[in-house]
Amino acid sequence: MSSFLQSFLDPKKSWLAALHMKALSTRLRKYGLRYDDLYDPYYDLDIKEALNRLPREIVDARNQRLKRAMDLSMKHKYLPKDLQAMQTPFRSYLQDMLALVSSICYTAIL
């Protein structure tokens, strides 16, 4: 990726990227989701394999967050403000395992 594009997408350098990240964080907090919850295991096999390799407690917590978000969405409600403040939308639980799965799949192809 070019250095211009990297600096444009980096929230520390670009005010537009920081604004987008703040808006996304606000939306995720309203429903109690994390960014990694948005990945669909039916769409990407690497995501599915990474979720299969994660500990059961992490996957159960993910499923509970998704169920709660769907329930809130159907009721046209948001989490209470005190619970929204406790949410950590960009705390990743999937990226390390996804990098491991992707590197294993990549080396298997070579």
N, C-alpha and C. Protein backbone atom coordinates (compact mmCIF):
# COMPACT_ATOMS: atom_id res chain seq x y z
N MET A 1 0.84 -1.16 0.00
CA MET A 1 0.00 0.00 0.00
C MET A 1 0.90 1.23 0.00
N SER A 2 0.53 2.23 -0.75
CA SER A 2 1.35 3.42 -0.85
C SER A 2 1.35 4.18 0.48
N SER A 3 2.39 4.94 0.70
CA SER A 3 2.51 5.68 1.97
C SER A 3 1.42 6.75 2.07
N PHE A 4 1.02 7.33 0.93
CA PHE A 4 -0.06 8.33 0.95
C PHE A 4 -1.36 7.69 1.42
N LEU A 5 -1.67 6.52 0.88
CA LEU A 5 -2.90 5.84 1.25
C LEU A 5 -2.86 5.40 2.71
N GLN A 6 -1.71 4.94 3.17
CA GLN A 6 -1.59 4.55 4.57
C GLN A 6 -1.79 5.75 5.48
N SER A 7 -1.22 6.88 5.15
CA SER A 7 -1.39 8.06 5.98
C SER A 7 -2.83 8.59 5.92
N PHE A 8 -3.49 8.39 4.79
CA PHE A 8 -4.88 8.82 4.65
C PHE A 8 -5.82 7.96 5.48
N LEU A 9 -5.52 6.67 5.63
CA LEU A 9 -6.37 5.76 6.38
C LEU A 9 -6.00 5.63 7.85
N ASP A 10 -4.87 6.20 8.26
CA ASP A 10 -4.43 6.11 9.64
C ASP A 10 -5.15 7.15 10.48
N PRO A 11 -5.93 6.72 11.50
CA PRO A 11 -6.68 7.68 12.31
C PRO A 11 -5.79 8.65 13.10
N LYS A 12 -4.53 8.28 13.32
CA LYS A 12 -3.62 9.16 14.04
C LYS A 12 -3.15 10.32 13.17
N LYS A 13 -3.21 10.14 11.85
CA LYS A 13 -2.70 11.17 10.93
C LYS A 13 -3.81 11.89 10.18
N SER A 14 -4.91 11.24 9.96
CA SER A 14 -5.98 11.83 9.16
C SER A 14 -7.20 12.13 10.04
N TRP A 15 -7.66 13.36 10.00
CA TRP A 15 -8.82 13.72 10.79
C TRP A 15 -10.08 13.05 10.26
N LEU A 16 -10.13 12.77 8.96
CA LEU A 16 -11.28 12.11 8.38
C LEU A 16 -11.38 10.65 8.86
N ALA A 17 -10.24 9.97 8.91
CA ALA A 17 -10.23 8.60 9.42
C ALA A 17 -10.58 8.58 10.90
N ALA A 18 -10.10 9.55 11.66
CA ALA A 18 -10.42 9.63 13.09
C ALA A 18 -11.91 9.89 13.29
N LEU A 19 -12.48 10.73 12.45
CA LEU A 19 -13.91 11.01 12.54
C LEU A 19 -14.74 9.77 12.23
N HIS A 20 -14.32 9.03 11.22
CA HIS A 20 -15.01 7.78 10.87
C HIS A 20 -14.90 6.76 12.01
N MET A 21 -13.72 6.66 12.60
CA MET A 21 -13.51 5.72 13.69
C MET A 21 -14.37 6.08 14.90
N LYS A 22 -14.50 7.36 15.18
CA LYS A 22 -15.33 7.81 16.30
C LYS A 22 -16.80 7.50 16.05
N ALA A 23 -17.27 7.74 14.83
CA ALA A 23 -18.67 7.44 14.49
C ALA A 23 -18.94 5.95 14.57
N LEU A 24 -18.01 5.14 14.08
CA LEU A 24 -18.16 3.70 14.14
C LEU A 24 -18.16 3.21 15.59
N SER A 25 -17.29 3.78 16.40
CA SER A 25 -17.23 3.42 17.82
C SER A 25 -18.55 3.74 18.51
N THR A 26 -19.13 4.87 18.21
CA THR A 26 -20.41 5.25 18.80
C THR A 26 -21.51 4.28 18.41
N ARG A 27 -21.55 3.89 17.14
CA ARG A 27 -22.58 2.94 16.68
C ARG A 27 -22.41 1.57 17.32
N LEU A 28 -21.17 1.10 17.43
CA LEU A 28 -20.94 -0.21 18.04
C LEU A 28 -21.26 -0.19 19.53
N ARG A 29 -20.95 0.89 20.22
CA ARG A 29 -21.25 1.00 21.65
C ARG A 29 -22.75 0.97 21.91
N LYS A 30 -23.53 1.56 21.02
CA LYS A 30 -24.99 1.60 21.21
C LYS A 30 -25.58 0.21 21.29
N TYR A 31 -24.98 -0.74 20.58
CA TYR A 31 -25.50 -2.10 20.58
C TYR A 31 -24.63 -3.07 21.38
N GLY A 32 -23.53 -2.60 21.93
CA GLY A 32 -22.66 -3.45 22.73
C GLY A 32 -21.83 -4.42 21.91
N LEU A 33 -21.46 -4.02 20.71
CA LEU A 33 -20.69 -4.89 19.82
C LEU A 33 -19.22 -4.50 19.80
N ARG A 34 -18.41 -5.41 19.34
CA ARG A 34 -17.01 -5.14 19.02
C ARG A 34 -16.86 -5.21 17.51
N TYR A 35 -15.80 -4.58 17.01
CA TYR A 35 -15.58 -4.55 15.57
C TYR A 35 -15.43 -5.96 15.00
N ASP A 36 -14.76 -6.84 15.73
CA ASP A 36 -14.56 -8.21 15.26
C ASP A 36 -15.87 -9.00 15.17
N ASP A 37 -16.91 -8.55 15.88
CA ASP A 37 -18.21 -9.22 15.80
C ASP A 37 -18.85 -9.05 14.43
N LEU A 38 -18.41 -8.07 13.67
CA LEU A 38 -19.01 -7.79 12.37
C LEU A 38 -18.57 -8.75 11.28
N TYR A 39 -17.50 -9.50 11.53
CA TYR A 39 -17.03 -10.46 10.54
C TYR A 39 -18.00 -11.64 10.45
N ASP A 40 -18.30 -12.06 9.22
CA ASP A 40 -19.26 -13.14 8.99
C ASP A 40 -18.52 -14.44 8.68
N PRO A 41 -18.67 -15.47 9.52
CA PRO A 41 -17.96 -16.73 9.27
C PRO A 41 -18.50 -17.50 8.06
N TYR A 42 -19.71 -17.19 7.62
CA TYR A 42 -20.25 -17.87 6.45
C TYR A 42 -19.72 -17.28 5.15
N TYR A 43 -19.20 -16.07 5.23
CA TYR A 43 -18.70 -15.39 4.05
C TYR A 43 -17.22 -15.69 3.80
N ASP A 44 -16.46 -15.83 4.88
CA ASP A 44 -15.00 -16.01 4.77
C ASP A 44 -14.59 -17.25 5.56
N LEU A 45 -13.97 -18.20 4.89
CA LEU A 45 -13.58 -19.44 5.54
C LEU A 45 -12.46 -19.24 6.56
N ASP A 46 -11.61 -18.22 6.36
CA ASP A 46 -10.57 -17.93 7.35
C ASP A 46 -11.19 -17.48 8.67
N ILE A 47 -12.23 -16.68 8.60
CA ILE A 47 -12.93 -16.24 9.81
C ILE A 47 -13.55 -17.44 10.51
N LYS A 48 -14.16 -18.32 9.74
CA LYS A 48 -14.78 -19.51 10.32
C LYS A 48 -13.74 -20.38 11.03
N GLU A 49 -12.60 -20.58 10.41
CA GLU A 49 -11.55 -21.40 11.01
C GLU A 49 -10.97 -20.71 12.25
N ALA A 50 -10.79 -19.40 12.20
CA ALA A 50 -10.28 -18.68 13.36
C ALA A 50 -11.25 -18.77 14.53
N LEU A 51 -12.55 -18.67 14.26
CA LEU A 51 -13.54 -18.80 15.33
C LEU A 51 -13.55 -20.22 15.90
N ASN A 52 -13.32 -21.21 15.06
CA ASN A 52 -13.27 -22.59 15.54
C ASN A 52 -12.07 -22.83 16.46
N ARG A 53 -11.00 -22.10 16.25
CA ARG A 53 -9.78 -22.29 17.05
C ARG A 53 -9.76 -21.47 18.33
N LEU A 54 -10.67 -20.50 18.46
CA LEU A 54 -10.72 -19.68 19.67
C LEU A 54 -11.30 -20.48 20.83
N PRO A 55 -10.98 -20.10 22.07
CA PRO A 55 -11.59 -20.76 23.22
C PRO A 55 -13.11 -20.59 23.23
N ARG A 56 -13.79 -21.55 23.77
CA ARG A 56 -15.26 -21.58 23.76
C ARG A 56 -15.86 -20.35 24.44
N GLU A 57 -15.23 -19.86 25.52
CA GLU A 57 -15.77 -18.71 26.25
C GLU A 57 -15.81 -17.46 25.38
N ILE A 58 -14.79 -17.28 24.56
CA ILE A 58 -14.73 -16.11 23.69
C ILE A 58 -15.81 -16.18 22.62
N VAL A 59 -16.00 -17.35 22.05
CA VAL A 59 -17.03 -17.53 21.02
C VAL A 59 -18.42 -17.36 21.62
N ASP A 60 -18.62 -17.88 22.84
CA ASP A 60 -19.92 -17.71 23.51
C ASP A 60 -20.21 -16.24 23.80
N ALA A 61 -19.18 -15.51 24.24
CA ALA A 61 -19.36 -14.07 24.50
C ALA A 61 -19.70 -13.33 23.21
N ARG A 62 -19.07 -13.72 22.11
CA ARG A 62 -19.38 -13.12 20.81
C ARG A 62 -20.83 -13.37 20.43
N ASN A 63 -21.27 -14.62 20.59
CA ASN A 63 -22.65 -14.96 20.25
C ASN A 63 -23.65 -14.21 21.13
N GLN A 64 -23.33 -14.04 22.40
CA GLN A 64 -24.21 -13.28 23.29
C GLN A 64 -24.29 -11.81 22.87
N ARG A 65 -23.15 -11.23 22.48
CA ARG A 65 -23.17 -9.83 22.02
C ARG A 65 -24.02 -9.69 20.76
N LEU A 66 -23.88 -10.65 19.85
CA LEU A 66 -24.67 -10.60 18.60
C LEU A 66 -26.17 -10.75 18.88
N LYS A 67 -26.52 -11.67 19.78
CA LYS A 67 -27.94 -11.86 20.13
C LYS A 67 -28.51 -10.60 20.78
N ARG A 68 -27.73 -10.01 21.70
CA ARG A 68 -28.19 -8.79 22.36
C ARG A 68 -28.38 -7.66 21.36
N ALA A 69 -27.45 -7.54 20.42
CA ALA A 69 -27.53 -6.47 19.41
C ALA A 69 -28.75 -6.68 18.51
N MET A 70 -29.01 -7.92 18.12
CA MET A 70 -30.20 -8.18 17.30
C MET A 70 -31.47 -7.88 18.07
N ASP A 71 -31.51 -8.25 19.35
CA ASP A 71 -32.68 -7.99 20.18
C ASP A 71 -32.92 -6.49 20.33
N LEU A 72 -31.85 -5.74 20.61
CA LEU A 72 -31.98 -4.28 20.73
C LEU A 72 -32.43 -3.65 19.42
N SER A 73 -31.90 -4.14 18.33
CA SER A 73 -32.26 -3.60 17.02
C SER A 73 -33.73 -3.85 16.71
N MET A 74 -34.20 -5.05 17.01
CA MET A 74 -35.61 -5.37 16.75
C MET A 74 -36.55 -4.54 17.62
N LYS A 75 -36.11 -4.19 18.82
CA LYS A 75 -36.93 -3.39 19.73
C LYS A 75 -36.75 -1.89 19.49
N HIS A 76 -35.86 -1.52 18.57
CA HIS A 76 -35.55 -0.11 18.28
C HIS A 76 -35.09 0.61 19.54
N LYS A 77 -34.18 -0.06 20.28
CA LYS A 77 -33.63 0.51 21.50
C LYS A 77 -32.11 0.41 21.46
N TYR A 78 -31.46 1.10 22.39
CA TYR A 78 -30.02 1.04 22.55
C TYR A 78 -29.69 0.61 23.97
N LEU A 79 -28.44 0.25 24.19
CA LEU A 79 -27.99 -0.05 25.55
C LEU A 79 -28.11 1.21 26.40
N PRO A 80 -28.32 1.05 27.69
CA PRO A 80 -28.30 2.24 28.57
C PRO A 80 -26.93 2.92 28.52
N LYS A 81 -26.92 4.21 28.79
CA LYS A 81 -25.70 5.01 28.68
C LYS A 81 -24.58 4.48 29.57
N ASP A 82 -24.91 3.99 30.77
CA ASP A 82 -23.85 3.50 31.66
C ASP A 82 -23.21 2.23 31.10
N LEU A 83 -23.98 1.39 30.43
CA LEU A 83 -23.41 0.20 29.79
C LEU A 83 -22.65 0.55 28.51
N GLN A 84 -23.10 1.56 27.80
CA GLN A 84 -22.39 2.00 26.60
C GLN A 84 -20.99 2.50 26.95
N ALA A 85 -20.87 3.15 28.09
CA ALA A 85 -19.57 3.68 28.51
C ALA A 85 -18.58 2.56 28.84
N MET A 86 -19.08 1.38 29.20
CA MET A 86 -18.22 0.27 29.56
C MET A 86 -17.74 -0.54 28.36
N GLN A 87 -18.31 -0.32 27.19
CA GLN A 87 -17.99 -1.11 26.01
C GLN A 87 -16.63 -0.76 25.44
N THR A 88 -15.98 -1.77 24.85
CA THR A 88 -14.67 -1.60 24.21
C THR A 88 -14.76 -2.09 22.77
N PRO A 89 -15.25 -1.26 21.85
CA PRO A 89 -15.52 -1.74 20.49
C PRO A 89 -14.30 -2.11 19.66
N PHE A 90 -13.15 -1.58 19.97
CA PHE A 90 -11.97 -1.89 19.15
C PHE A 90 -10.98 -2.80 19.87
N ARG A 91 -11.42 -3.44 20.93
CA ARG A 91 -10.58 -4.44 21.60
C ARG A 91 -10.75 -5.75 20.84
N SER A 92 -9.71 -6.15 20.17
CA SER A 92 -9.78 -7.29 19.26
C SER A 92 -9.58 -8.61 19.97
N TYR A 93 -10.34 -9.60 19.56
CA TYR A 93 -10.16 -10.96 20.05
C TYR A 93 -9.91 -11.93 18.90
N LEU A 94 -10.07 -11.48 17.68
CA LEU A 94 -10.02 -12.36 16.53
C LEU A 94 -8.79 -12.16 15.65
N GLN A 95 -8.19 -10.98 15.68
CA GLN A 95 -7.14 -10.64 14.72
C GLN A 95 -5.90 -11.52 14.83
N ASP A 96 -5.48 -11.83 16.05
CA ASP A 96 -4.28 -12.67 16.21
C ASP A 96 -4.50 -14.07 15.65
N MET A 97 -5.65 -14.65 15.98
CA MET A 97 -5.95 -15.99 15.47
C MET A 97 -6.16 -15.96 13.96
N LEU A 98 -6.76 -14.90 13.45
CA LEU A 98 -6.97 -14.77 12.02
C LEU A 98 -5.64 -14.66 11.28
N ALA A 99 -4.69 -13.94 11.83
CA ALA A 99 -3.36 -13.85 11.22
C ALA A 99 -2.67 -15.21 11.22
N LEU A 100 -2.84 -15.95 12.31
CA LEU A 100 -2.25 -17.29 12.39
C LEU A 100 -2.87 -18.22 11.36
N VAL A 101 -4.19 -18.21 11.25
CA VAL A 101 -4.89 -19.08 10.28
C VAL A 101 -4.52 -18.69 8.86
N SER A 102 -4.47 -17.40 8.58
CA SER A 102 -4.13 -16.95 7.23
C SER A 102 -2.70 -17.34 6.86
N SER A 103 -1.78 -17.24 7.82
CA SER A 103 -0.39 -17.61 7.51
C SER A 103 -0.26 -19.12 7.30
N ILE A 104 -1.01 -19.90 8.06
CA ILE A 104 -0.98 -21.36 7.88
C ILE A 104 -1.55 -21.74 6.52
N CYS A 105 -2.67 -21.12 6.16
CA CYS A 105 -3.27 -21.41 4.85
C CYS A 105 -2.35 -20.96 3.71
N TYR A 106 -1.68 -19.82 3.90
CA TYR A 106 -0.80 -19.31 2.86
C TYR A 106 0.41 -20.23 2.67
N THR A 107 1.00 -20.71 3.77
CA THR A 107 2.14 -21.61 3.65
C THR A 107 1.74 -22.97 3.11
N ALA A 108 0.50 -23.37 3.38
CA ALA A 108 0.03 -24.66 2.86
C ALA A 108 -0.12 -24.60 1.33
N ILE A 109 -0.49 -23.42 0.83
CA ILE A 109 -0.65 -23.26 -0.62
C ILE A 109 0.71 -23.29 -1.31
N LEU A 110 1.72 -22.70 -0.68
CA LEU A 110 3.05 -22.67 -1.29
C LEU A 110 3.65 -24.04 -1.22
